[in-house]
Protein backbone atom coordinates (compact mmCIF):
# COMPACT_ATOMS: atom_id res chain seq x y z
CA MET A 1 21.15 -16.47 19.40
CA GLY A 2 18.61 -13.66 20.62
CA LEU A 3 14.83 -13.82 19.51
CA HIS A 4 15.23 -11.29 16.69
CA THR A 5 17.85 -13.85 15.16
CA ILE A 6 15.94 -16.31 15.03
CA LYS A 7 12.57 -13.93 14.44
CA LEU A 8 15.08 -13.08 10.63
CA LEU A 9 16.13 -16.49 9.41
CA LYS A 10 12.59 -18.19 10.77
CA LEU A 11 11.07 -14.69 8.08
CA LEU A 12 14.11 -16.05 5.72
CA THR A 13 13.77 -19.66 5.98
CA LYS A 14 9.69 -19.43 4.45
CA PHE A 15 11.17 -16.71 1.44
CA TRP A 16 12.98 -19.23 0.24
CA ARG A 17 10.00 -20.77 0.09
CA VAL A 18 8.63 -19.09 -2.53
CA PRO A 19 7.73 -19.19 -5.73
CA ASN A 20 10.87 -16.72 -7.75
CA SER A 21 7.88 -14.22 -8.94
CA ASN A 22 6.82 -13.83 -4.73
CA LYS A 23 10.41 -13.10 -4.48
CA VAL A 24 10.54 -10.90 -7.07
CA ILE A 25 7.44 -9.04 -5.50
CA ALA A 26 8.49 -8.69 -2.53
CA LEU A 27 12.08 -7.98 -2.69
CA LYS A 28 10.45 -4.75 -5.05
CA ALA A 29 8.21 -3.63 -2.61
CA TRP A 30 10.84 -4.24 0.55
CA TYR A 31 13.19 -1.40 -0.93
CA LEU A 32 9.42 0.48 -1.87
CA PHE A 33 8.51 0.86 0.67
CA ILE A 34 12.02 2.51 1.73
CA TYR A 35 11.19 3.96 -1.64
CA TRP A 36 8.29 5.80 -0.43
CA ASN A 37 8.71 6.19 3.24
CA ILE A 38 11.98 8.45 2.66
CA LEU A 39 9.66 10.88 -0.51
CA ILE A 40 6.66 10.93 1.82
CA SER A 41 8.63 11.24 5.13
CA VAL A 42 10.88 14.36 3.45
CA VAL A 43 10.03 15.53 0.24
CA PRO A 44 7.33 17.84 -0.93
CA TYR A 45 3.96 16.81 -2.23
CA LYS A 46 3.91 18.57 -4.68
CA TYR A 47 6.67 16.40 -6.24
CA TRP A 48 5.51 13.22 -5.56
CA LYS A 49 1.71 13.66 -5.58
CA ASN A 50 1.83 12.71 -9.04
CA LYS A 51 3.19 8.62 -8.57
CA LEU A 52 0.92 8.51 -6.77
CA PHE A 53 -2.54 9.47 -8.50
CA LYS A 54 -0.50 8.33 -11.55
CA ASN A 55 -2.64 5.86 -14.08
CA SER A 56 -1.57 3.67 -17.25
CA HIS A 57 -3.19 1.70 -19.47
CA THR A 58 -1.70 -1.65 -18.70
CA PHE A 59 -3.96 -4.38 -18.56
CA SER A 60 -3.51 -8.10 -17.15
CA ASP A 61 -5.26 -11.46 -17.50
CA GLY A 62 -4.56 -12.17 -13.87
CA THR A 63 -7.87 -12.49 -12.33
CA ILE A 64 -8.89 -10.67 -8.92
CA ALA A 65 -7.47 -13.09 -6.58
CA ASP A 66 -3.57 -11.97 -8.18
CA VAL A 67 -4.11 -9.34 -7.37
CA ILE A 68 -5.71 -10.30 -3.90
CA SER A 69 -2.82 -12.66 -3.33
CA ILE A 70 -0.30 -9.89 -4.75
CA THR A 71 -1.44 -7.97 -2.33
CA GLN A 72 -1.01 -10.07 1.27
CA LEU A 73 2.32 -10.51 0.12
CA ILE A 74 3.61 -7.28 -0.30
CA GLU A 75 1.07 -7.16 2.93
CA LYS A 76 3.14 -9.43 4.59
CA VAL A 77 6.92 -7.50 3.68
CA ALA A 78 5.23 -4.51 5.57
CA ARG A 79 4.67 -6.50 8.36
CA ASN A 80 8.08 -6.91 8.19
CA HIS A 81 9.86 -3.86 7.45
CA PHE A 82 11.99 -1.57 9.39
CA VAL A 83 10.38 1.02 8.62
CA LYS A 84 7.23 2.26 10.08
CA ILE A 85 4.53 1.62 7.04
CA ASN A 86 1.43 3.07 7.41
CA CYS A 87 -1.93 2.93 5.09
CA LEU A 88 -0.59 6.00 2.59
CA ARG A 89 2.90 3.74 2.13
CA ARG A 90 1.13 0.79 2.42
CA CYS A 91 -1.03 1.92 -0.79
CA ALA A 92 1.55 3.14 -2.69
CA VAL A 93 3.48 0.44 -3.04
CA GLN A 94 0.74 -1.89 -3.96
CA LYS A 95 -0.76 0.53 -5.86
CA GLN A 96 2.77 1.22 -7.64
CA LEU A 97 3.51 -2.65 -8.45
CA LEU A 98 0.29 -3.69 -9.10
CA THR A 99 0.20 -1.31 -12.11
CA LYS A 100 3.44 -2.96 -13.63
CA LEU A 101 1.92 -6.09 -13.52
CA GLY A 102 -0.89 -4.89 -15.53
CA PHE A 103 -3.05 -4.00 -13.27
CA GLN A 104 -5.03 -0.42 -12.70
CA PRO A 105 -6.30 -0.40 -8.35
CA GLN A 106 -7.41 3.03 -7.61
CA LEU A 107 -6.48 5.00 -4.04
CA VAL A 108 -9.75 5.77 -1.92
CA PHE A 109 -9.20 8.29 1.19
CA GLY A 110 -12.06 8.08 3.16
CA VAL A 111 -12.20 10.15 6.44
CA LYS A 112 -14.10 9.99 9.77
CA LYS A 113 -15.01 12.36 12.89
CA GLN A 114 -14.76 10.82 15.89
CA GLN A 115 -14.42 12.24 19.68
CA GLY A 116 -13.96 15.50 16.93
CA LYS A 117 -10.96 14.80 15.90
CA LEU A 118 -10.39 13.88 12.09
CA PHE A 119 -8.82 11.06 10.96
CA ALA A 120 -8.15 9.53 6.99
CA HIS A 121 -7.30 6.35 6.40
CA CYS A 122 -6.82 5.44 1.68
CA TRP A 123 -6.67 1.44 0.78
CA LEU A 124 -6.67 0.76 -3.16
CA THR A 125 -10.42 -1.13 -4.82
CA LEU A 126 -10.27 -2.78 -8.35
CA ASN A 127 -13.28 -3.29 -10.66
CA GLY A 128 -14.93 -1.64 -7.72
CA GLN A 129 -13.79 -4.31 -4.95
CA LEU A 130 -11.58 -3.29 -1.76
CA ILE A 131 -8.71 -5.40 -2.31
CA ASN A 132 -5.73 -4.47 0.58
CA ASP A 133 -8.42 -3.47 3.69
CA SER A 134 -11.15 -5.16 5.57
CA LYS A 135 -14.67 -3.95 4.86
CA GLU A 136 -15.02 -3.12 8.58
CA GLU A 137 -12.18 -1.38 8.28
CA THR A 138 -12.60 1.19 5.62
CA SER A 139 -17.14 1.03 6.99
CA GLN A 140 -15.98 3.02 9.59
CA TYR A 141 -15.12 5.96 6.35
CA VAL A 142 -16.87 8.66 4.30
CA ALA A 143 -14.97 7.47 1.06
CA LEU A 144 -13.75 10.85 -1.04
CA LEU A 145 -14.76 10.82 -4.48
CA SER A 146 -11.70 12.36 -5.69
CA HIS A 147 -9.53 14.71 -4.62
CA ASP A 148 -9.00 18.18 -5.13
CA LYS A 149 -7.66 21.24 -2.96
CA ASN A 150 -8.34 19.27 0.85
CA GLN A 151 -6.47 15.80 -0.70
CA SER A 152 -3.27 17.66 0.91
CA GLN A 153 -3.98 18.62 3.76
CA ILE A 154 -5.52 14.48 4.19
CA LEU A 155 -2.27 12.83 3.02
CA LYS A 156 -0.20 14.87 5.67
CA SER A 157 -2.90 13.78 8.84
CA LEU A 158 -1.93 10.09 6.78
CA LYS A 159 1.72 10.96 7.42
């Protein structure tokens, strides 16, 4: 057996040990990473931007610990996926799944200038609390408070 096959078998063994509700989330995340990768890579921004910024009025009695647990599960899926996963794809998938579960995460974009170059990053918050990234990483960026006509250029830099 090759190294790749052994790694895959270990992942599948771990997968079958998790609760069924987590399996459903993991499988949905797996599919959604492919979906969002195609949208972001191929489809013009104007056709998918509303999906990214759409907020619904949902409610969940879950806790912030539940939300962080879900985002950590989705992070594991991202680390073991075959498509290129960056912050925009991670946030899109996590936001979509959390919204369907009744939470209302907010997508935050940040920018920084380093050695004359502009860099962008995005992350999710829930009620002002960071849920899918580290404070060390996000503190390097200046958060944009609202999306405006420059958001298209920021998103392009995240592709």
